[in-house]
Amino acid sequence: MSRSQHHKALRLRLIPAALGIGAIVALGGCSAGQVTETDTQVAAVNGGNGEVQQVSVRNAMFTFPTAGTSYPAGSSAPLEAVLANEGPADKLVQVTSPYTTAPATIGGVTDLPSHTALHAVGASPELTKNSGERRVEITLNGFKQDITAGVTVPVTFVFEKAGPVTVQVPIGTDHAERPDHGGDHGSEH
């Protein structure tokens, strides 16, 4: 083998190694000091969840208070949730909490046929406008103490056939628009 052929063969053997090292360096740089797209995302489900037999309670939360950021002792709070039934027909018969002085007020549709969902709409006007949904209105009455954002309240949903399921229910998010505190402040900086 001539000297030029030897150098050519050596170079051909080094190309895959160089490409491999380059790929490792490039991939390592993808995560070094970078802010990922998912670090600012929040969970899709904010509320409490639970299930009993084939009935589930999903995303249960109290509607954000219309005045202030908490529900004071003695007040009532509407509940939002999705009740789903993958089993035989059932019915919501009662909602209670040890944090209240009386069972919840339940209005609207309470039957839960097989393979359907029932939406507890709370007091949100956006949700009540959707007439295609099967809706129930659930309001917990007479809190024994102040309920503030960040506190979860045990709420028991009782179904006629499936039985009771207790879910930890938080206050939902505030959807009111906030004043813009960012942006241009002129020469104040």
N, C-alpha and C. Protein backbone atom coordinates (compact mmCIF):
# COMPACT_ATOMS: atom_id res chain seq x y z
N MET A 1 0.86 -1.16 0.00
CA MET A 1 0.00 0.00 0.00
C MET A 1 0.91 1.22 0.00
N SER A 2 0.59 2.17 -0.88
CA SER A 2 1.39 3.39 -0.96
C SER A 2 1.06 4.29 0.20
N ARG A 3 1.93 5.24 0.38
CA ARG A 3 1.75 6.18 1.49
C ARG A 3 0.46 6.98 1.34
N SER A 4 0.08 7.44 0.16
CA SER A 4 -1.15 8.21 -0.04
C SER A 4 -2.38 7.33 0.18
N GLN A 5 -2.29 6.05 -0.22
CA GLN A 5 -3.41 5.15 0.02
C GLN A 5 -3.59 4.90 1.52
N HIS A 6 -2.48 4.79 2.24
CA HIS A 6 -2.52 4.58 3.69
C HIS A 6 -3.20 5.78 4.39
N HIS A 7 -2.83 7.01 4.00
CA HIS A 7 -3.45 8.20 4.59
C HIS A 7 -4.94 8.28 4.27
N LYS A 8 -5.29 7.90 3.04
CA LYS A 8 -6.70 7.92 2.63
C LYS A 8 -7.51 6.92 3.47
N ALA A 9 -6.98 5.72 3.68
CA ALA A 9 -7.66 4.70 4.48
C ALA A 9 -7.79 5.15 5.93
N LEU A 10 -6.78 5.79 6.45
CA LEU A 10 -6.81 6.30 7.82
C LEU A 10 -7.88 7.38 7.98
N ARG A 11 -7.95 8.30 7.01
CA ARG A 11 -8.96 9.36 7.04
C ARG A 11 -10.37 8.77 6.98
N LEU A 12 -10.56 7.77 6.14
CA LEU A 12 -11.88 7.15 6.01
C LEU A 12 -12.31 6.49 7.32
N ARG A 13 -11.35 5.95 8.08
CA ARG A 13 -11.68 5.34 9.36
C ARG A 13 -11.98 6.39 10.44
N LEU A 14 -11.41 7.54 10.34
CA LEU A 14 -11.60 8.60 11.33
C LEU A 14 -12.91 9.37 11.14
N ILE A 15 -13.48 9.38 9.96
CA ILE A 15 -14.71 10.14 9.68
C ILE A 15 -15.86 9.69 10.59
N PRO A 16 -16.18 8.38 10.72
CA PRO A 16 -17.29 8.00 11.62
C PRO A 16 -17.03 8.39 13.07
N ALA A 17 -15.79 8.28 13.53
CA ALA A 17 -15.48 8.66 14.91
C ALA A 17 -15.69 10.16 15.11
N ALA A 18 -15.26 10.96 14.16
CA ALA A 18 -15.43 12.42 14.26
C ALA A 18 -16.91 12.79 14.23
N LEU A 19 -17.68 12.13 13.38
CA LEU A 19 -19.12 12.41 13.32
C LEU A 19 -19.80 12.03 14.64
N GLY A 20 -19.40 10.91 15.23
CA GLY A 20 -19.98 10.48 16.52
C GLY A 20 -19.68 11.47 17.63
N ILE A 21 -18.44 11.94 17.69
CA ILE A 21 -18.07 12.92 18.72
C ILE A 21 -18.82 14.22 18.49
N GLY A 22 -18.97 14.63 17.23
CA GLY A 22 -19.72 15.86 16.92
C GLY A 22 -21.18 15.75 17.34
N ALA A 23 -21.77 14.58 17.13
CA ALA A 23 -23.17 14.38 17.52
C ALA A 23 -23.33 14.45 19.03
N ILE A 24 -22.39 13.87 19.77
CA ILE A 24 -22.46 13.90 21.24
C ILE A 24 -22.37 15.34 21.74
N VAL A 25 -21.44 16.10 21.17
CA VAL A 25 -21.28 17.51 21.57
C VAL A 25 -22.54 18.30 21.24
N ALA A 26 -23.10 18.08 20.05
CA ALA A 26 -24.29 18.82 19.64
C ALA A 26 -25.48 18.48 20.53
N LEU A 27 -25.68 17.19 20.83
CA LEU A 27 -26.81 16.80 21.67
C LEU A 27 -26.62 17.27 23.10
N GLY A 28 -25.40 17.25 23.59
CA GLY A 28 -25.14 17.74 24.94
C GLY A 28 -25.48 19.22 25.07
N GLY A 29 -25.25 19.98 24.03
CA GLY A 29 -25.55 21.42 24.04
C GLY A 29 -27.04 21.70 24.02
N CYS A 30 -27.85 20.72 23.59
CA CYS A 30 -29.29 20.95 23.53
C CYS A 30 -29.91 21.16 24.91
N SER A 31 -29.29 20.56 25.93
CA SER A 31 -29.90 20.68 27.25
C SER A 31 -29.12 21.60 28.17
N ALA A 32 -27.95 21.97 27.82
CA ALA A 32 -27.13 22.76 28.72
C ALA A 32 -27.64 24.20 28.81
N GLY A 33 -28.20 24.55 29.96
CA GLY A 33 -28.61 25.93 30.20
C GLY A 33 -29.82 26.37 29.42
N GLN A 34 -30.52 25.47 28.82
CA GLN A 34 -31.67 25.83 28.00
C GLN A 34 -32.95 25.77 28.84
N VAL A 35 -33.91 26.62 28.54
CA VAL A 35 -35.23 26.58 29.15
C VAL A 35 -36.09 25.70 28.26
N THR A 36 -36.62 24.64 28.83
CA THR A 36 -37.43 23.74 28.02
C THR A 36 -38.81 24.32 27.79
N GLU A 37 -39.44 23.85 26.74
CA GLU A 37 -40.79 24.32 26.42
C GLU A 37 -41.78 23.93 27.49
N THR A 38 -41.54 22.79 28.16
CA THR A 38 -42.51 22.28 29.13
C THR A 38 -42.34 22.86 30.52
N ASP A 39 -41.25 23.62 30.79
CA ASP A 39 -41.05 24.10 32.16
C ASP A 39 -42.06 25.16 32.57
N THR A 40 -42.75 25.77 31.62
CA THR A 40 -43.74 26.79 31.96
C THR A 40 -45.17 26.28 31.79
N GLN A 41 -45.33 25.02 31.42
CA GLN A 41 -46.66 24.47 31.25
C GLN A 41 -47.20 24.02 32.60
N VAL A 42 -48.52 24.13 32.76
CA VAL A 42 -49.15 23.68 33.99
C VAL A 42 -49.93 22.41 33.70
N ALA A 43 -50.24 21.68 34.72
CA ALA A 43 -50.99 20.44 34.56
C ALA A 43 -52.35 20.72 33.92
N ALA A 44 -52.76 19.80 33.06
CA ALA A 44 -54.04 19.97 32.39
C ALA A 44 -55.20 19.82 33.37
N VAL A 45 -54.97 19.04 34.40
CA VAL A 45 -56.02 18.81 35.38
C VAL A 45 -55.62 19.50 36.68
N ASN A 46 -56.37 20.53 37.06
CA ASN A 46 -56.06 21.28 38.27
C ASN A 46 -56.83 20.78 39.48
N GLY A 47 -58.03 20.25 39.27
CA GLY A 47 -58.90 19.88 40.37
C GLY A 47 -58.64 18.49 40.89
N GLY A 48 -59.48 18.09 41.87
CA GLY A 48 -59.36 16.78 42.49
C GLY A 48 -59.99 15.70 41.63
N ASN A 49 -59.47 14.48 41.78
CA ASN A 49 -59.96 13.34 41.02
C ASN A 49 -60.19 12.16 41.94
N GLY A 50 -61.14 11.31 41.59
CA GLY A 50 -61.39 10.10 42.34
C GLY A 50 -62.30 9.18 41.56
N GLU A 51 -62.34 7.93 41.97
CA GLU A 51 -63.26 7.01 41.31
C GLU A 51 -63.74 5.94 42.27
N VAL A 52 -64.94 5.46 42.00
CA VAL A 52 -65.53 4.37 42.75
C VAL A 52 -66.19 3.45 41.72
N GLN A 53 -65.81 2.20 41.75
CA GLN A 53 -66.23 1.23 40.74
C GLN A 53 -65.95 1.83 39.36
N GLN A 54 -66.95 2.03 38.52
CA GLN A 54 -66.70 2.55 37.17
C GLN A 54 -67.18 4.00 37.01
N VAL A 55 -67.40 4.68 38.13
CA VAL A 55 -67.79 6.10 38.10
C VAL A 55 -66.59 6.91 38.57
N SER A 56 -66.28 7.98 37.82
CA SER A 56 -65.14 8.81 38.22
C SER A 56 -65.56 10.27 38.34
N VAL A 57 -64.88 10.97 39.23
CA VAL A 57 -65.03 12.41 39.42
C VAL A 57 -63.72 13.01 38.94
N ARG A 58 -63.78 13.91 37.99
CA ARG A 58 -62.57 14.50 37.40
C ARG A 58 -62.57 16.01 37.52
N ASN A 59 -61.40 16.55 37.81
CA ASN A 59 -61.16 18.00 37.82
C ASN A 59 -62.16 18.75 38.71
N ALA A 60 -62.43 18.22 39.89
CA ALA A 60 -63.38 18.85 40.82
C ALA A 60 -62.71 20.05 41.49
N MET A 61 -63.38 21.20 41.43
CA MET A 61 -62.87 22.41 42.07
C MET A 61 -64.02 23.36 42.37
N PHE A 62 -63.80 24.21 43.36
CA PHE A 62 -64.78 25.25 43.64
C PHE A 62 -64.57 26.39 42.65
N THR A 63 -65.67 26.97 42.18
CA THR A 63 -65.57 28.14 41.32
C THR A 63 -64.85 29.23 42.10
N PHE A 64 -63.94 29.95 41.43
CA PHE A 64 -63.20 31.01 42.11
C PHE A 64 -64.19 32.03 42.67
N PRO A 65 -64.00 32.49 43.91
CA PRO A 65 -64.96 33.43 44.53
C PRO A 65 -65.15 34.70 43.68
N THR A 66 -66.38 35.20 43.67
CA THR A 66 -66.66 36.42 42.91
C THR A 66 -66.17 37.66 43.64
N ALA A 67 -66.03 37.58 44.96
CA ALA A 67 -65.51 38.70 45.75
C ALA A 67 -64.35 38.18 46.59
N GLY A 68 -63.19 38.76 46.42
CA GLY A 68 -62.03 38.33 47.18
C GLY A 68 -61.41 37.08 46.61
N THR A 69 -60.61 36.41 47.44
CA THR A 69 -59.92 35.20 46.98
C THR A 69 -60.21 33.99 47.86
N SER A 70 -61.22 34.11 48.74
CA SER A 70 -61.55 32.98 49.62
C SER A 70 -63.05 32.94 49.85
N TYR A 71 -63.49 31.82 50.41
CA TYR A 71 -64.88 31.67 50.85
C TYR A 71 -64.87 31.78 52.37
N PRO A 72 -65.50 32.83 52.94
CA PRO A 72 -65.49 32.98 54.40
C PRO A 72 -66.38 31.95 55.08
N ALA A 73 -66.13 31.71 56.36
CA ALA A 73 -66.96 30.80 57.14
C ALA A 73 -68.42 31.21 57.00
N GLY A 74 -69.29 30.23 56.84
CA GLY A 74 -70.73 30.49 56.70
C GLY A 74 -71.18 30.65 55.25
N SER A 75 -70.25 30.84 54.32
CA SER A 75 -70.63 31.06 52.92
C SER A 75 -70.83 29.75 52.17
N SER A 76 -71.28 29.87 50.93
CA SER A 76 -71.51 28.72 50.06
C SER A 76 -70.58 28.81 48.85
N ALA A 77 -70.29 27.67 48.23
CA ALA A 77 -69.40 27.65 47.07
C ALA A 77 -69.91 26.68 46.02
N PRO A 78 -70.06 27.16 44.77
CA PRO A 78 -70.43 26.26 43.67
C PRO A 78 -69.25 25.37 43.29
N LEU A 79 -69.57 24.18 42.85
CA LEU A 79 -68.57 23.18 42.52
C LEU A 79 -68.59 22.91 41.01
N GLU A 80 -67.40 22.78 40.42
CA GLU A 80 -67.26 22.39 39.02
C GLU A 80 -66.59 21.03 38.99
N ALA A 81 -67.03 20.15 38.10
CA ALA A 81 -66.42 18.83 37.97
C ALA A 81 -67.01 18.13 36.75
N VAL A 82 -66.41 17.03 36.39
CA VAL A 82 -66.99 16.14 35.38
C VAL A 82 -67.18 14.79 36.06
N LEU A 83 -68.40 14.28 36.00
CA LEU A 83 -68.73 12.97 36.55
C LEU A 83 -68.90 12.04 35.37
N ALA A 84 -68.09 11.01 35.28
CA ALA A 84 -68.13 10.10 34.13
C ALA A 84 -68.48 8.70 34.59
N ASN A 85 -69.29 8.02 33.80
CA ASN A 85 -69.73 6.68 34.14
C ASN A 85 -69.39 5.72 33.00
N GLU A 86 -68.51 4.76 33.27
CA GLU A 86 -68.17 3.73 32.29
C GLU A 86 -68.85 2.41 32.61
N GLY A 87 -69.69 2.38 33.65
CA GLY A 87 -70.36 1.16 34.05
C GLY A 87 -71.85 1.24 33.82
N PRO A 88 -72.63 0.48 34.61
CA PRO A 88 -74.08 0.50 34.47
C PRO A 88 -74.66 1.86 34.91
N ALA A 89 -75.86 2.15 34.46
CA ALA A 89 -76.51 3.43 34.80
C ALA A 89 -76.48 3.67 36.30
N ASP A 90 -76.27 4.93 36.67
CA ASP A 90 -76.16 5.30 38.08
C ASP A 90 -76.78 6.69 38.26
N LYS A 91 -76.69 7.22 39.47
CA LYS A 91 -77.29 8.52 39.77
C LYS A 91 -76.53 9.16 40.93
N LEU A 92 -76.28 10.47 40.83
CA LEU A 92 -75.69 11.22 41.94
C LEU A 92 -76.81 11.49 42.93
N VAL A 93 -76.63 11.04 44.17
CA VAL A 93 -77.70 11.20 45.16
C VAL A 93 -77.37 12.19 46.27
N GLN A 94 -76.06 12.40 46.55
CA GLN A 94 -75.72 13.31 47.64
C GLN A 94 -74.27 13.77 47.49
N VAL A 95 -74.00 15.00 47.97
CA VAL A 95 -72.64 15.53 48.04
C VAL A 95 -72.49 16.15 49.42
N THR A 96 -71.45 15.73 50.16
CA THR A 96 -71.25 16.23 51.53
C THR A 96 -69.78 16.57 51.76
N SER A 97 -69.54 17.31 52.84
CA SER A 97 -68.18 17.60 53.25
C SER A 97 -68.16 17.82 54.76
N PRO A 98 -67.13 17.34 55.45
CA PRO A 98 -67.02 17.61 56.88
C PRO A 98 -66.73 19.10 57.15
N TYR A 99 -66.41 19.86 56.12
CA TYR A 99 -66.13 21.29 56.27
C TYR A 99 -67.38 22.15 56.19
N THR A 100 -68.56 21.53 55.94
CA THR A 100 -69.80 22.28 55.82
C THR A 100 -70.80 21.83 56.88
N THR A 101 -71.80 22.69 57.12
CA THR A 101 -72.81 22.39 58.14
C THR A 101 -73.98 21.57 57.61
N ALA A 102 -74.09 21.43 56.28
CA ALA A 102 -75.22 20.71 55.69
C ALA A 102 -74.78 20.07 54.37
N PRO A 103 -75.53 19.08 53.88
CA PRO A 103 -75.22 18.52 52.56
C PRO A 103 -75.33 19.61 51.48
N ALA A 104 -74.69 19.35 50.37
CA ALA A 104 -74.72 20.30 49.25
C ALA A 104 -76.11 20.36 48.63
N THR A 105 -76.40 21.49 48.00
CA THR A 105 -77.61 21.63 47.20
C THR A 105 -77.29 21.08 45.81
N ILE A 106 -78.17 20.20 45.32
CA ILE A 106 -77.96 19.60 44.00
C ILE A 106 -79.17 19.92 43.14
N GLY A 107 -78.92 20.46 41.94
CA GLY A 107 -80.01 20.78 41.01
C GLY A 107 -79.65 20.35 39.60
N GLY A 108 -80.63 20.33 38.74
CA GLY A 108 -80.38 19.92 37.35
C GLY A 108 -80.41 18.42 37.20
N VAL A 109 -79.65 17.91 36.25
CA VAL A 109 -79.62 16.49 35.93
C VAL A 109 -78.76 15.75 36.94
N THR A 110 -79.26 14.64 37.49
CA THR A 110 -78.47 13.84 38.43
C THR A 110 -78.28 12.40 37.96
N ASP A 111 -79.05 11.97 36.94
CA ASP A 111 -78.88 10.61 36.46
C ASP A 111 -77.62 10.52 35.60
N LEU A 112 -76.99 9.37 35.65
CA LEU A 112 -75.73 9.15 34.97
C LEU A 112 -75.81 7.83 34.20
N PRO A 113 -76.42 7.87 33.00
CA PRO A 113 -76.53 6.64 32.21
C PRO A 113 -75.15 6.06 31.88
N SER A 114 -75.12 4.79 31.49
CA SER A 114 -73.90 4.11 31.14
C SER A 114 -73.18 4.85 30.00
N HIS A 115 -71.87 4.97 30.12
CA HIS A 115 -71.00 5.59 29.11
C HIS A 115 -71.38 7.03 28.79
N THR A 116 -71.68 7.80 29.84
CA THR A 116 -71.97 9.23 29.68
C THR A 116 -71.18 10.03 30.70
N ALA A 117 -71.22 11.34 30.52
CA ALA A 117 -70.60 12.26 31.47
C ALA A 117 -71.61 13.31 31.87
N LEU A 118 -71.46 13.80 33.07
CA LEU A 118 -72.31 14.84 33.63
C LEU A 118 -71.40 15.97 34.08
N HIS A 119 -71.71 17.19 33.69
CA HIS A 119 -70.86 18.34 34.01
C HIS A 119 -71.46 19.15 35.14
N ALA A 120 -70.72 19.25 36.25
CA ALA A 120 -71.11 20.17 37.33
C ALA A 120 -70.54 21.52 36.92
N VAL A 121 -71.42 22.49 36.70
CA VAL A 121 -71.01 23.74 36.07
C VAL A 121 -70.72 24.87 37.03
N GLY A 122 -71.01 24.74 38.30
CA GLY A 122 -70.74 25.84 39.21
C GLY A 122 -71.49 27.07 38.79
N ALA A 123 -70.87 28.22 38.95
CA ALA A 123 -71.52 29.48 38.62
C ALA A 123 -70.88 30.15 37.41
N SER A 124 -70.18 29.38 36.60
CA SER A 124 -69.46 29.95 35.47
C SER A 124 -70.40 30.16 34.29
N PRO A 125 -70.67 31.42 33.90
CA PRO A 125 -71.59 31.67 32.80
C PRO A 125 -71.13 31.06 31.48
N GLU A 126 -69.81 30.94 31.27
CA GLU A 126 -69.33 30.34 30.03
C GLU A 126 -69.76 28.89 29.92
N LEU A 127 -69.74 28.18 31.04
CA LEU A 127 -70.10 26.77 31.02
C LEU A 127 -71.59 26.57 30.88
N THR A 128 -72.38 27.42 31.50
CA THR A 128 -73.83 27.22 31.45
C THR A 128 -74.40 27.56 30.08
N LYS A 129 -73.66 28.26 29.24
CA LYS A 129 -74.16 28.58 27.91
C LYS A 129 -74.15 27.37 26.98
N ASN A 130 -73.32 26.39 27.26
CA ASN A 130 -73.20 25.22 26.40
C ASN A 130 -74.36 24.27 26.66
N SER A 131 -75.40 24.38 25.85
CA SER A 131 -76.61 23.60 26.09
C SER A 131 -76.48 22.15 25.66
N GLY A 132 -75.39 21.78 24.99
CA GLY A 132 -75.20 20.39 24.57
C GLY A 132 -74.72 19.50 25.70
N GLU A 133 -74.30 20.06 26.81
CA GLU A 133 -73.79 19.27 27.92
C GLU A 133 -74.91 18.86 28.87
N ARG A 134 -74.74 17.67 29.44
CA ARG A 134 -75.61 17.25 30.54
C ARG A 134 -75.05 17.92 31.78
N ARG A 135 -75.87 18.74 32.47
CA ARG A 135 -75.36 19.56 33.57
C ARG A 135 -76.07 19.31 34.88
N VAL A 136 -75.29 19.40 35.95
CA VAL A 136 -75.80 19.36 37.31
C VAL A 136 -75.20 20.57 38.02
N GLU A 137 -75.96 21.14 38.94
CA GLU A 137 -75.46 22.26 39.73
C GLU A 137 -75.29 21.78 41.17
N ILE A 138 -74.06 21.92 41.68
CA ILE A 138 -73.74 21.47 43.04
C ILE A 138 -73.17 22.67 43.80
N THR A 139 -73.77 22.98 44.94
CA THR A 139 -73.28 24.09 45.78
C THR A 139 -73.11 23.58 47.20
N LEU A 140 -71.88 23.70 47.74
CA LEU A 140 -71.65 23.38 49.14
C LEU A 140 -72.06 24.57 49.98
N ASN A 141 -72.77 24.31 51.07
CA ASN A 141 -73.35 25.38 51.88
C ASN A 141 -72.82 25.38 53.30
N GLY A 142 -72.60 26.59 53.84
CA GLY A 142 -72.26 26.76 55.25
C GLY A 142 -70.90 26.25 55.65
N PHE A 143 -69.85 26.80 55.05
CA PHE A 143 -68.50 26.39 55.46
C PHE A 143 -68.31 26.67 56.95
N LYS A 144 -67.65 25.76 57.64
CA LYS A 144 -67.38 25.92 59.07
C LYS A 144 -66.18 26.82 59.33
N GLN A 145 -65.37 27.07 58.31
CA GLN A 145 -64.18 27.91 58.44
C GLN A 145 -63.92 28.60 57.11
N ASP A 146 -63.01 29.56 57.10
CA ASP A 146 -62.62 30.22 55.85
C ASP A 146 -61.92 29.20 54.95
N ILE A 147 -62.26 29.22 53.67
CA ILE A 147 -61.60 28.36 52.69
C ILE A 147 -60.84 29.27 51.74
N THR A 148 -59.53 29.17 51.77
CA THR A 148 -58.68 30.04 50.96
C THR A 148 -58.04 29.25 49.82
N ALA A 149 -57.55 29.97 48.82
CA ALA A 149 -56.85 29.33 47.71
C ALA A 149 -55.67 28.54 48.27
N GLY A 150 -55.44 27.37 47.73
CA GLY A 150 -54.36 26.52 48.20
C GLY A 150 -54.82 25.46 49.20
N VAL A 151 -56.00 25.64 49.79
CA VAL A 151 -56.55 24.66 50.73
C VAL A 151 -57.43 23.69 49.94
N THR A 152 -57.32 22.41 50.25
CA THR A 152 -58.23 21.45 49.63
C THR A 152 -59.25 20.99 50.67
N VAL A 153 -60.46 20.77 50.20
CA VAL A 153 -61.57 20.39 51.07
C VAL A 153 -62.03 18.99 50.66
N PRO A 154 -62.12 18.04 51.62
CA PRO A 154 -62.63 16.72 51.27
C PRO A 154 -64.13 16.82 50.96
N VAL A 155 -64.50 16.37 49.78
CA VAL A 155 -65.91 16.38 49.35
C VAL A 155 -66.26 14.95 48.95
N THR A 156 -67.36 14.44 49.50
CA THR A 156 -67.79 13.08 49.19
C THR A 156 -68.99 13.13 48.25
N PHE A 157 -68.82 12.48 47.10
CA PHE A 157 -69.88 12.33 46.11
C PHE A 157 -70.46 10.95 46.34
N VAL A 158 -71.79 10.86 46.51
CA VAL A 158 -72.43 9.57 46.76
C VAL A 158 -73.28 9.22 45.54
N PHE A 159 -73.00 8.05 44.95
CA PHE A 159 -73.76 7.57 43.80
C PHE A 159 -74.65 6.41 44.24
N GLU A 160 -75.83 6.35 43.68
CA GLU A 160 -76.84 5.38 44.08
C GLU A 160 -76.33 3.93 44.06
N LYS A 161 -75.63 3.53 43.00
CA LYS A 161 -75.16 2.15 42.89
C LYS A 161 -73.67 2.01 43.20
N ALA A 162 -72.85 2.92 42.70
CA ALA A 162 -71.39 2.80 42.88
C ALA A 162 -70.97 3.10 44.31
N GLY A 163 -71.74 3.95 45.02
CA GLY A 163 -71.40 4.28 46.39
C GLY A 163 -70.64 5.59 46.50
N PRO A 164 -69.95 5.82 47.64
CA PRO A 164 -69.29 7.11 47.87
C PRO A 164 -67.84 7.14 47.37
N VAL A 165 -67.40 8.32 46.97
CA VAL A 165 -66.00 8.57 46.66
C VAL A 165 -65.66 9.96 47.20
N THR A 166 -64.56 10.05 47.95
CA THR A 166 -64.14 11.33 48.52
C THR A 166 -62.99 11.90 47.69
N VAL A 167 -63.12 13.17 47.34
CA VAL A 167 -62.16 13.85 46.49
C VAL A 167 -61.67 15.10 47.22
N GLN A 168 -60.38 15.39 47.13
CA GLN A 168 -59.82 16.62 47.70
C GLN A 168 -60.03 17.75 46.69
N VAL A 169 -60.86 18.73 47.06
CA VAL A 169 -61.29 19.77 46.12
C VAL A 169 -60.65 21.12 46.48
N PRO A 170 -59.91 21.71 45.52
CA PRO A 170 -59.33 23.04 45.74
C PRO A 170 -60.25 24.13 45.19
N ILE A 171 -59.90 25.38 45.48
CA ILE A 171 -60.54 26.51 44.79
C ILE A 171 -59.90 26.59 43.42
N GLY A 172 -60.72 26.75 42.39
CA GLY A 172 -60.22 26.82 41.02
C GLY A 172 -59.45 28.10 40.75
N THR A 173 -59.01 28.24 39.53
CA THR A 173 -58.22 29.40 39.15
C THR A 173 -59.11 30.61 38.88
N ASP A 174 -58.52 31.77 39.09
CA ASP A 174 -59.20 33.05 38.84
C ASP A 174 -59.06 33.36 37.35
N HIS A 175 -60.17 33.46 36.65
CA HIS A 175 -60.13 33.74 35.21
C HIS A 175 -60.33 35.23 34.91
N ALA A 176 -60.39 36.07 35.93
CA ALA A 176 -60.56 37.50 35.71
C ALA A 176 -59.30 38.07 35.07
N GLU A 177 -59.49 39.05 34.20
CA GLU A 177 -58.34 39.67 33.55
C GLU A 177 -57.56 40.49 34.56
N ARG A 178 -56.26 40.44 34.42
CA ARG A 178 -55.36 41.17 35.29
C ARG A 178 -54.85 42.41 34.57
N PRO A 179 -54.58 43.50 35.29
CA PRO A 179 -53.97 44.65 34.64
C PRO A 179 -52.56 44.28 34.17
N ASP A 180 -52.14 44.86 33.07
CA ASP A 180 -50.83 44.57 32.51
C ASP A 180 -49.78 45.35 33.29
N HIS A 181 -48.91 44.61 34.02
CA HIS A 181 -47.86 45.26 34.80
C HIS A 181 -46.54 45.25 34.06
N GLY A 182 -46.47 44.56 32.93
CA GLY A 182 -45.24 44.52 32.15
C GLY A 182 -45.27 45.62 31.11
N GLY A 183 -44.41 45.46 30.14
CA GLY A 183 -44.45 46.39 29.02
C GLY A 183 -43.59 47.61 29.23
N ASP A 184 -43.92 48.66 28.50
CA ASP A 184 -43.10 49.86 28.44
C ASP A 184 -43.37 50.79 29.61
N HIS A 185 -42.32 51.10 30.34
CA HIS A 185 -42.46 52.05 31.45
C HIS A 185 -41.67 53.32 31.16
N GLY A 186 -41.30 53.51 29.90
CA GLY A 186 -40.59 54.73 29.52
C GLY A 186 -39.25 54.86 30.20
N SER A 187 -38.98 56.00 30.80
CA SER A 187 -37.66 56.27 31.40
C SER A 187 -37.62 55.92 32.88
N GLU A 188 -38.62 55.17 33.38
CA GLU A 188 -38.64 54.82 34.79
C GLU A 188 -37.55 53.82 35.14
N HIS A 189 -36.98 53.14 34.15
CA HIS A 189 -35.98 52.10 34.45
C HIS A 189 -34.64 52.68 34.66
